[in-house]
């Protein structure tokens, strides 16, 4: 059985190119397994609240000492971590906004990065505690940025994932989507070929 966690981070919800392509990849991954379970998070419909001092205080307070509000805050972050830990495959629809990632994805990162749970500190530095998971980044861009100095997005996301122990990462690029219909179709076709290849 395969557990798939799909994160759609586009502000356009299911209509965003990254969401559409991520869903196509999820279908192909699901077809590879006799049985699969999908947890689908749409950050446009259900935004991830930004991590703040209230969340930090809640998870830092002993469970038996938490207020009702703190219990609710801690439970929210706990649920996101549980979904991540249960996943075998993680598919992230990743549009580029102003050379970076959607703010809701950064918020999700902050919620799931927890010392002692998803990573730990050692004498030789931090060590990720999440292993044996495959991550697929389906990134969509209006321009063409792959392997250029403007692409700070993918290095940042890979650095964060590696911090949690997630080093098996496949990137599917769909670029030039705002450079005219011809370039858009070319970018989407390239992405779909990559999806077929990595899901085979």
Protein backbone atom coordinates (compact mmCIF):
# COMPACT_ATOMS: atom_id res chain seq x y z
CA UNK A 1 0.00 0.00 0.00
CA UNK A 2 1.19 3.52 -0.76
CA UNK A 3 0.36 6.58 1.31
CA UNK A 4 0.50 9.80 -0.72
CA UNK A 5 0.52 13.31 0.71
CA UNK A 6 -0.36 15.97 -1.87
CA UNK A 7 0.22 19.63 -1.01
CA UNK A 8 -1.34 22.14 -3.40
CA UNK A 9 0.11 25.54 -2.59
CA UNK A 10 -1.19 27.57 -5.53
CA UNK A 11 -3.32 30.61 -4.69
CA UNK A 12 -5.56 29.44 -7.55
CA UNK A 13 -6.42 26.20 -5.76
CA UNK A 14 -7.14 23.31 -8.14
CA UNK A 15 -7.07 25.63 -11.15
CA UNK A 16 -3.39 26.44 -10.76
CA UNK A 17 -1.00 24.78 -13.19
CA UNK A 18 1.05 23.33 -10.32
CA UNK A 19 -2.09 21.79 -8.79
CA UNK A 20 -3.22 20.32 -12.10
CA UNK A 21 0.17 18.77 -12.81
CA UNK A 22 0.56 17.54 -9.22
CA UNK A 23 -2.80 15.79 -9.47
CA UNK A 24 -1.75 14.11 -12.72
CA UNK A 25 1.38 12.83 -11.01
CA UNK A 26 -0.62 11.59 -8.01
CA UNK A 27 -2.91 9.59 -10.31
CA UNK A 28 0.07 7.88 -11.92
CA UNK A 29 1.69 7.14 -8.56
CA UNK A 30 -1.57 5.72 -7.23
CA UNK A 31 -1.89 3.48 -10.28
CA UNK A 32 1.46 1.88 -9.45
CA UNK A 33 0.12 0.46 -6.19
CA UNK A 34 -2.65 -2.06 -5.66
CA UNK A 35 -3.95 0.17 -2.91
CA UNK A 36 -3.17 3.78 -2.11
CA UNK A 37 -4.36 6.33 0.41
CA UNK A 38 -4.30 10.02 -0.50
CA UNK A 39 -4.21 12.93 1.92
CA UNK A 40 -4.82 16.06 -0.14
CA UNK A 41 -4.16 19.51 1.33
CA UNK A 42 -5.34 22.56 -0.63
CA UNK A 43 -3.72 25.59 0.97
CA UNK A 44 -5.90 28.02 -1.00
CA UNK A 45 -9.09 26.52 0.43
CA UNK A 46 -7.61 25.76 3.84
CA UNK A 47 -4.66 28.11 4.44
CA UNK A 48 -1.95 27.07 6.86
CA UNK A 49 -1.70 29.72 9.59
CA UNK A 50 1.70 31.25 10.03
CA UNK A 51 3.71 29.82 12.88
CA UNK A 52 4.02 32.36 15.69
CA UNK A 53 4.86 32.70 19.37
CA UNK A 54 1.51 31.22 20.37
CA UNK A 55 2.24 27.97 18.50
CA UNK A 56 5.79 27.78 19.89
CA UNK A 57 4.50 28.31 23.43
CA UNK A 58 1.79 25.69 22.95
CA UNK A 59 4.09 22.90 21.76
CA UNK A 60 6.75 23.86 24.34
CA UNK A 61 4.30 23.56 27.23
CA UNK A 62 3.84 20.16 28.86
CA UNK A 63 0.64 18.49 27.63
CA UNK A 64 -0.93 18.35 31.08
CA UNK A 65 -0.27 22.07 31.59
CA UNK A 66 -1.68 23.38 28.32
CA UNK A 67 -4.71 25.62 28.21
CA UNK A 68 -7.57 24.66 25.91
CA UNK A 69 -6.31 27.13 23.33
CA UNK A 70 -2.80 25.70 23.53
CA UNK A 71 -4.15 22.17 23.15
CA UNK A 72 -5.91 23.22 19.94
CA UNK A 73 -2.81 24.94 18.55
CA UNK A 74 -0.54 21.99 19.35
CA UNK A 75 -3.05 19.53 17.89
CA UNK A 76 -3.03 21.42 14.59
CA UNK A 77 0.73 21.17 14.20
CA UNK A 78 0.68 17.56 15.45
CA UNK A 79 -1.79 16.63 12.71
CA UNK A 80 0.40 18.11 9.97
CA UNK A 81 3.40 16.19 11.29
CA UNK A 82 1.40 12.95 11.52
CA UNK A 83 0.31 13.31 7.88
CA UNK A 84 3.91 13.88 6.81
CA UNK A 85 5.28 10.95 8.83
CA UNK A 86 2.62 8.59 7.44
CA UNK A 87 3.35 9.44 3.80
CA UNK A 88 5.44 7.24 1.53
CA UNK A 89 5.29 9.72 -1.34
CA UNK A 90 4.99 13.50 -0.97
CA UNK A 91 3.87 15.55 -3.96
CA UNK A 92 4.19 19.32 -3.63
CA UNK A 93 2.63 21.62 -6.20
CA UNK A 94 5.13 24.46 -6.13
CA UNK A 95 4.44 27.64 -8.10
CA UNK A 96 7.12 30.31 -8.08
CA UNK A 97 5.88 33.61 -6.69
CA UNK A 98 8.32 36.54 -6.90
CA UNK A 99 11.27 34.13 -7.07
CA UNK A 100 10.18 32.30 -3.92
CA UNK A 101 7.71 29.82 -2.52
CA UNK A 102 4.08 30.48 -1.52
CA UNK A 103 3.92 31.85 2.02
CA UNK A 104 1.51 29.09 3.07
CA UNK A 105 4.12 26.46 2.17
CA UNK A 106 6.66 28.28 4.32
CA UNK A 107 4.08 28.21 7.11
CA UNK A 108 3.67 24.44 6.63
CA UNK A 109 7.46 24.05 6.78
CA UNK A 110 7.52 25.90 10.10
CA UNK A 111 4.79 23.69 11.59
CA UNK A 112 6.40 20.37 10.63
CA UNK A 113 9.97 21.24 11.61
CA UNK A 114 10.02 20.14 15.25
CA UNK A 115 13.10 19.19 17.23
CA UNK A 116 12.90 15.67 18.58
CA UNK A 117 10.10 14.72 16.20
CA UNK A 118 11.13 15.43 12.60
CA UNK A 119 14.78 16.31 13.29
CA UNK A 120 17.19 16.27 16.20
CA UNK A 121 20.35 18.08 17.19
CA UNK A 122 23.50 16.00 17.59
CA UNK A 123 27.13 16.72 18.41
CA UNK A 124 27.83 16.80 14.69
CA UNK A 125 24.87 18.99 13.79
CA UNK A 126 21.17 18.51 13.02
CA UNK A 127 19.95 15.13 11.80
CA UNK A 128 16.69 14.55 9.93
CA UNK A 129 14.40 11.87 11.33
CA UNK A 130 12.20 11.32 8.25
CA UNK A 131 13.65 8.75 5.86
CA UNK A 132 12.49 6.28 3.22
CA UNK A 133 10.16 8.82 1.64
CA UNK A 134 10.09 10.12 -1.90
CA UNK A 135 9.36 13.78 -2.57
CA UNK A 136 8.19 15.18 -5.90
CA UNK A 137 8.32 18.94 -6.46
CA UNK A 138 6.09 20.07 -9.31
CA UNK A 139 7.25 23.61 -9.89
CA UNK A 140 5.59 26.05 -12.28
CA UNK A 141 7.02 29.39 -13.36
CA UNK A 142 5.87 32.23 -15.55
CA UNK A 143 9.41 32.72 -16.83
CA UNK A 144 12.40 30.45 -17.33
CA UNK A 145 14.64 30.18 -14.28
CA UNK A 146 15.91 26.59 -14.05
CA UNK A 147 19.61 26.40 -13.17
CA UNK A 148 19.91 30.19 -13.07
CA UNK A 149 20.82 32.57 -10.25
CA UNK A 150 17.17 33.61 -10.04
CA UNK A 151 16.11 30.13 -8.98
CA UNK A 152 16.57 30.38 -5.22
CA UNK A 153 13.34 28.40 -4.79
CA UNK A 154 14.49 24.84 -5.44
CA UNK A 155 17.76 25.08 -3.46
CA UNK A 156 15.83 26.45 -0.46
CA UNK A 157 13.16 23.75 -0.58
CA UNK A 158 15.75 20.99 -1.00
CA UNK A 159 17.76 22.37 1.92
CA UNK A 160 14.70 22.35 4.17
CA UNK A 161 13.63 18.85 3.11
CA UNK A 162 17.16 17.52 3.70
CA UNK A 163 17.05 19.08 7.17
CA UNK A 164 14.18 16.68 7.92
CA UNK A 165 15.97 13.74 6.29
CA UNK A 166 14.08 13.94 2.99
CA UNK A 167 16.86 13.69 0.43
CA UNK A 168 15.19 11.61 -2.29
CA UNK A 169 13.73 14.52 -4.25
CA UNK A 170 12.54 14.64 -7.88
CA UNK A 171 11.86 18.01 -9.49
CA UNK A 172 9.41 18.44 -12.37
CA UNK A 173 9.68 21.82 -14.09
CA UNK A 174 7.00 23.63 -16.09
CA UNK A 175 8.47 26.95 -17.17
CA UNK A 176 7.67 29.84 -19.47
CA UNK A 177 3.96 29.62 -18.71
CA UNK A 178 3.47 33.40 -19.08
CA UNK A 179 5.57 33.76 -22.24
CA UNK A 180 2.79 33.15 -24.75
CA UNK A 181 0.61 30.22 -25.68
CA UNK A 182 3.32 28.40 -27.61
CA UNK A 183 5.82 28.54 -24.77
CA UNK A 184 3.13 27.62 -22.25
CA UNK A 185 2.19 24.49 -24.19
CA UNK A 186 5.85 23.59 -24.54
CA UNK A 187 6.42 24.02 -20.81
CA UNK A 188 3.40 21.90 -19.88
CA UNK A 189 4.32 19.20 -22.39
CA UNK A 190 7.84 19.03 -20.97
CA UNK A 191 6.45 18.70 -17.45
CA UNK A 192 4.02 15.94 -18.46
CA UNK A 193 6.80 13.95 -20.09
CA UNK A 194 8.82 14.24 -16.88
CA UNK A 195 5.80 13.11 -14.87
CA UNK A 196 5.45 10.00 -17.03
CA UNK A 197 9.14 9.31 -16.66
CA UNK A 198 9.43 9.68 -12.87
CA UNK A 199 6.18 7.83 -12.19
CA UNK A 200 7.07 4.87 -14.42
